[in-house]
């Protein structure tokens, strides 16, 4: 067997002279090769076999991921991200009344995932988020639900407000991102999410009088002598009231 020159091996392996770590590893391999070439050959064959298995596994995984993207997906609503004990990140999603976890496909942007609005969806196939359905105006239109009245702020940090439902008391809801820059007034009406009323997703400005002759009923103060054409009725009514005051036994 010809004697191997460390310098020739370094050049063939592309090891730079100033790379001390790789040079020391090379010297250990050459020493083992001189001492036990059979063991080195077996180790080399096993390493190549492992590399081929790793390449095949990577190709299978790539095919699986492509299959997930091209397959039929279910629409879920994104809630938040959660760090698992093993260091992986999983998404918390809502399917109807149930909360479920899902893995995130490598092609799905985490920043876009976190920026989803309450009326937008994630596409889930076999427990993996493979895409997003966002920036579609019809999604907001389909999600519009009950109209409530803004009553006040509960938490500025959490964007939570108090709203009143007609005949159903009050509730605390969270403002969707587009509403967080709105100047809310007590007369403003908010629109709740149809399927998830925890969210206020749109606002309706307070209606104002468009005619100078219109007046809000809750601010109206009137007396009988302000009402034209009712003089006769007013006189009769006043006589009846005075008669009952003077003669309560009648």
Protein backbone atom coordinates (compact mmCIF):
# COMPACT_ATOMS: atom_id res chain seq x y z
CA UNK A 1 0.00 0.00 0.00
CA UNK A 2 1.54 3.36 -1.00
CA UNK A 3 2.38 5.75 1.82
CA UNK A 4 -0.13 8.61 2.09
CA UNK A 5 1.26 12.11 2.40
CA UNK A 6 -0.73 14.23 4.90
CA UNK A 7 -0.16 17.24 2.67
CA UNK A 8 -1.63 15.46 -0.38
CA UNK A 9 -4.64 14.35 1.67
CA UNK A 10 -5.15 17.88 2.99
CA UNK A 11 -5.16 19.27 -0.54
CA UNK A 12 -7.56 16.57 -1.79
CA UNK A 13 -9.93 17.15 1.14
CA UNK A 14 -9.77 20.94 0.79
CA UNK A 15 -8.43 21.42 4.32
CA UNK A 16 -6.84 24.83 4.85
CA UNK A 17 -3.44 24.91 6.58
CA UNK A 18 -4.75 27.21 9.32
CA UNK A 19 -7.67 24.90 10.16
CA UNK A 20 -6.17 23.20 13.20
CA UNK A 21 -9.28 21.21 14.10
CA UNK A 22 -9.65 19.53 10.70
CA UNK A 23 -5.89 18.94 10.48
CA UNK A 24 -5.89 17.10 13.82
CA UNK A 25 -8.89 15.03 12.75
CA UNK A 26 -7.08 14.10 9.52
CA UNK A 27 -4.02 12.99 11.43
CA UNK A 28 -6.14 10.77 13.69
CA UNK A 29 -7.78 9.14 10.65
CA UNK A 30 -4.44 8.50 8.95
CA UNK A 31 -3.10 7.01 12.17
CA UNK A 32 -6.09 4.65 12.43
CA UNK A 33 -5.73 3.75 8.76
CA UNK A 34 -2.11 2.67 9.29
CA UNK A 35 -3.01 0.79 12.46
CA UNK A 36 -6.31 -0.90 11.42
CA UNK A 37 -7.30 -0.27 7.76
CA UNK A 38 -10.09 -2.89 7.91
CA UNK A 39 -11.93 -1.05 10.70
CA UNK A 40 -11.63 2.22 8.82
CA UNK A 41 -13.05 0.59 5.66
CA UNK A 42 -16.02 -0.84 7.56
CA UNK A 43 -16.70 2.53 9.19
CA UNK A 44 -16.54 4.24 5.78
CA UNK A 45 -19.03 1.79 4.25
CA UNK A 46 -21.45 2.24 7.18
CA UNK A 47 -21.16 6.02 6.91
CA UNK A 48 -21.99 5.92 3.20
CA UNK A 49 -24.95 3.63 3.89
CA UNK A 50 -26.23 6.06 6.53
CA UNK A 51 -25.86 8.95 4.09
CA UNK A 52 -27.91 7.13 1.46
CA UNK A 53 -30.62 6.39 4.05
CA UNK A 54 -30.64 10.02 5.15
CA UNK A 55 -30.98 11.21 1.54
CA UNK A 56 -33.88 8.80 0.95
CA UNK A 57 -35.58 9.92 4.17
CA UNK A 58 -35.20 13.56 3.11
CA UNK A 59 -36.67 12.79 -0.31
CA UNK A 60 -39.59 10.93 1.29
CA UNK A 61 -40.21 13.85 3.65
CA UNK A 62 -40.13 16.31 0.75
CA UNK A 63 -42.67 14.20 -1.10
CA UNK A 64 -44.86 14.03 2.00
CA UNK A 65 -44.77 17.80 2.46
CA UNK A 66 -45.63 18.38 -1.20
CA UNK A 67 -48.51 15.93 -0.85
CA UNK A 68 -49.85 17.84 2.15
CA UNK A 69 -49.83 21.11 0.23
CA UNK A 70 -51.55 19.67 -2.83
CA UNK A 71 -54.11 17.61 -0.87
CA UNK A 72 -57.54 18.65 0.37
CA UNK A 73 -57.36 20.92 3.44
CA UNK A 74 -59.74 21.87 6.25
CA UNK A 75 -60.33 25.49 7.28
CA UNK A 76 -59.42 26.27 10.91
CA UNK A 77 -59.12 29.56 12.76
CA UNK A 78 -55.73 30.45 14.21
CA UNK A 79 -55.54 31.34 17.92
CA UNK A 80 -51.87 31.48 18.96
CA UNK A 81 -48.46 29.77 18.86
CA UNK A 82 -47.16 27.46 21.57
CA UNK A 83 -43.61 26.32 22.31
CA UNK A 84 -43.51 22.58 22.99
CA UNK A 85 -41.14 21.05 25.61
CA UNK A 86 -39.03 19.55 22.79
CA UNK A 87 -38.40 23.03 21.35
CA UNK A 88 -40.79 22.78 18.40
CA UNK A 89 -43.48 25.35 17.71
CA UNK A 90 -47.10 24.31 17.24
CA UNK A 91 -50.15 26.39 16.44
CA UNK A 92 -53.28 26.49 18.59
CA UNK A 93 -56.30 26.54 16.28
CA UNK A 94 -60.06 26.51 16.69
CA UNK A 95 -62.36 24.17 14.83
CA UNK A 96 -65.89 25.02 15.88
CA UNK A 97 -65.97 24.90 19.68
CA UNK A 98 -62.82 22.74 19.91
CA UNK A 99 -59.20 23.84 20.31
CA UNK A 100 -56.59 21.75 18.49
CA UNK A 101 -52.85 21.86 17.91
CA UNK A 102 -51.25 21.71 14.47
CA UNK A 103 -47.71 21.62 13.12
CA UNK A 104 -46.59 24.42 10.80
CA UNK A 105 -45.39 23.58 7.28
CA UNK A 106 -41.92 24.98 6.50
CA UNK A 107 -43.33 27.01 3.60
CA UNK A 108 -45.80 28.82 5.89
CA UNK A 109 -44.51 32.12 7.28
CA UNK A 110 -44.82 32.31 11.06
CA UNK A 111 -45.01 36.11 10.94
CA UNK A 112 -47.93 35.96 8.48
CA UNK A 113 -49.55 33.32 10.65
CA UNK A 114 -49.39 35.60 13.69
CA UNK A 115 -50.80 38.49 11.62
CA UNK A 116 -54.04 36.71 10.70
CA UNK A 117 -57.28 38.50 11.52
CA UNK A 118 -60.08 36.71 13.46
CA UNK A 119 -62.13 36.28 10.26
CA UNK A 120 -59.25 34.66 8.27
CA UNK A 121 -58.35 30.97 8.09
CA UNK A 122 -55.47 28.51 8.11
CA UNK A 123 -55.55 25.51 5.77
CA UNK A 124 -54.86 22.27 7.66
CA UNK A 125 -54.10 18.88 6.12
CA UNK A 126 -53.29 15.83 8.28
CA UNK A 127 -52.69 18.05 11.32
CA UNK A 128 -50.26 20.38 9.48
CA UNK A 129 -50.90 24.02 8.54
CA UNK A 130 -50.09 24.07 4.82
CA UNK A 131 -51.42 27.50 3.82
CA UNK A 132 -53.37 30.64 4.73
CA UNK A 133 -56.59 32.16 3.43
CA UNK A 134 -56.20 35.87 4.05
CA UNK A 135 -56.60 39.33 2.50
CA UNK A 136 -59.93 38.32 0.96
CA UNK A 137 -62.70 40.94 1.50
CA UNK A 138 -65.42 38.29 1.34
CA UNK A 139 -64.09 36.70 4.55
CA UNK A 140 -64.88 39.82 6.59
CA UNK A 141 -68.30 40.13 4.98
CA UNK A 142 -69.14 36.50 5.80
CA UNK A 143 -68.06 36.96 9.44
CA UNK A 144 -70.25 39.99 10.29
CA UNK A 145 -72.60 39.21 13.16
CA UNK A 146 -74.54 40.99 15.90
CA UNK A 147 -74.43 44.77 16.31
CA UNK A 148 -73.72 46.07 19.83
CA UNK A 149 -73.11 49.45 21.47
CA UNK A 150 -69.72 50.54 22.76
CA UNK A 151 -69.90 51.29 26.51
CA UNK A 152 -66.32 51.81 27.62
CA UNK A 153 -62.74 50.52 27.77
CA UNK A 154 -61.91 47.60 30.05
CA UNK A 155 -58.18 47.13 29.27
CA UNK A 156 -56.15 49.31 26.92
CA UNK A 157 -53.21 46.88 26.98
CA UNK A 158 -55.38 43.91 25.96
CA UNK A 159 -57.66 45.98 23.66
CA UNK A 160 -60.73 44.84 25.58
CA UNK A 161 -63.91 46.92 25.67
CA UNK A 162 -67.34 46.70 27.27
CA UNK A 163 -70.33 46.51 24.94
CA UNK A 164 -74.08 46.47 25.45
CA UNK A 165 -76.47 44.09 23.74
CA UNK A 166 -80.05 45.21 23.22
CA UNK A 167 -82.04 43.48 25.95
CA UNK A 168 -79.18 41.04 26.76
CA UNK A 169 -77.00 42.96 29.20
CA UNK A 170 -73.31 43.69 28.66
CA UNK A 171 -70.23 41.71 27.61
CA UNK A 172 -66.46 42.19 27.29
CA UNK A 173 -64.99 41.71 23.81
CA UNK A 174 -61.58 42.17 22.17
CA UNK A 175 -61.03 44.66 19.36
CA UNK A 176 -59.63 43.25 16.11
CA UNK A 177 -56.47 44.96 14.87
CA UNK A 178 -58.19 47.37 12.41
CA UNK A 179 -60.34 48.77 15.25
CA UNK A 180 -57.48 49.47 17.65
CA UNK A 181 -56.71 52.81 16.01
CA UNK A 182 -60.36 53.90 15.90
CA UNK A 183 -61.59 56.66 18.21
CA UNK A 184 -64.46 54.95 19.98
CA UNK A 185 -67.36 57.00 21.34
CA UNK A 186 -70.29 55.92 23.55
CA UNK A 187 -72.65 56.25 20.58
CA UNK A 188 -70.60 54.03 18.30
CA UNK A 189 -71.93 50.64 17.26
CA UNK A 190 -69.59 47.65 16.94
CA UNK A 191 -70.11 44.49 14.91
CA UNK A 192 -69.22 41.18 16.55
CA UNK A 193 -67.82 38.11 14.81
CA UNK A 194 -70.70 35.87 13.77
CA UNK A 195 -69.02 32.60 14.81
CA UNK A 196 -66.81 33.96 17.59
CA UNK A 197 -68.50 36.86 19.45
CA UNK A 198 -65.40 37.34 21.62
CA UNK A 199 -64.19 39.64 18.81
CA UNK A 200 -65.41 43.02 17.60
CA UNK A 201 -64.38 43.13 13.93
CA UNK A 202 -66.05 46.24 12.48
CA UNK A 203 -67.47 49.60 13.57
CA UNK A 204 -70.55 51.58 12.53
CA UNK A 205 -70.24 55.35 13.09
CA UNK A 206 -72.95 56.99 15.19
CA UNK A 207 -75.80 58.28 13.06
CA UNK A 208 -76.18 62.05 13.07
CA UNK A 209 -79.10 64.21 11.98
CA UNK A 210 -78.88 65.20 8.35
CA UNK A 211 -81.78 67.72 8.53
CA UNK A 212 -81.85 70.86 10.72
CA UNK A 213 -85.43 69.94 11.71
CA UNK A 214 -84.47 66.53 13.16
CA UNK A 215 -83.96 66.14 16.88
CA UNK A 216 -82.89 63.14 18.96
CA UNK A 217 -85.79 61.83 21.06
CA UNK A 218 -83.65 61.23 24.13
CA UNK A 219 -82.70 64.91 24.19
CA UNK A 220 -86.14 66.31 23.43
CA UNK A 221 -87.76 68.60 26.03
CA UNK A 222 -91.24 69.93 25.11
CA UNK A 223 -94.20 71.59 26.82
CA UNK A 224 -97.84 71.60 25.81
CA UNK A 225 -97.72 75.24 24.76
CA UNK A 226 -94.82 74.35 22.40
CA UNK A 227 -97.12 72.08 20.39
CA UNK A 228 -98.96 74.03 17.68
CA UNK A 229 -102.58 73.18 16.96
CA UNK A 230 -103.30 71.59 20.36
CA UNK A 231 -104.65 74.60 22.25
CA UNK A 232 -108.15 73.14 22.66
CA UNK A 233 -106.89 69.76 23.74
CA UNK A 234 -104.43 71.33 26.18
CA UNK A 235 -107.13 73.47 27.77
CA UNK A 236 -109.44 70.48 28.28
CA UNK A 237 -106.58 68.43 29.69
CA UNK A 238 -105.60 71.17 32.16
CA UNK A 239 -109.18 71.54 33.39
CA UNK A 240 -109.43 67.81 33.99
CA UNK A 241 -106.15 67.77 35.95
CA UNK A 242 -107.15 70.78 38.09
CA UNK A 243 -110.57 69.25 38.78
CA UNK A 244 -108.96 66.03 40.09
CA UNK A 245 -106.58 68.05 42.28
CA UNK A 246 -109.37 70.14 43.85
CA UNK A 247 -111.86 67.27 44.19
CA UNK A 248 -109.76 64.10 44.64
CA UNK A 249 -112.83 62.12 45.67
CA UNK A 250 -114.22 62.30 42.11
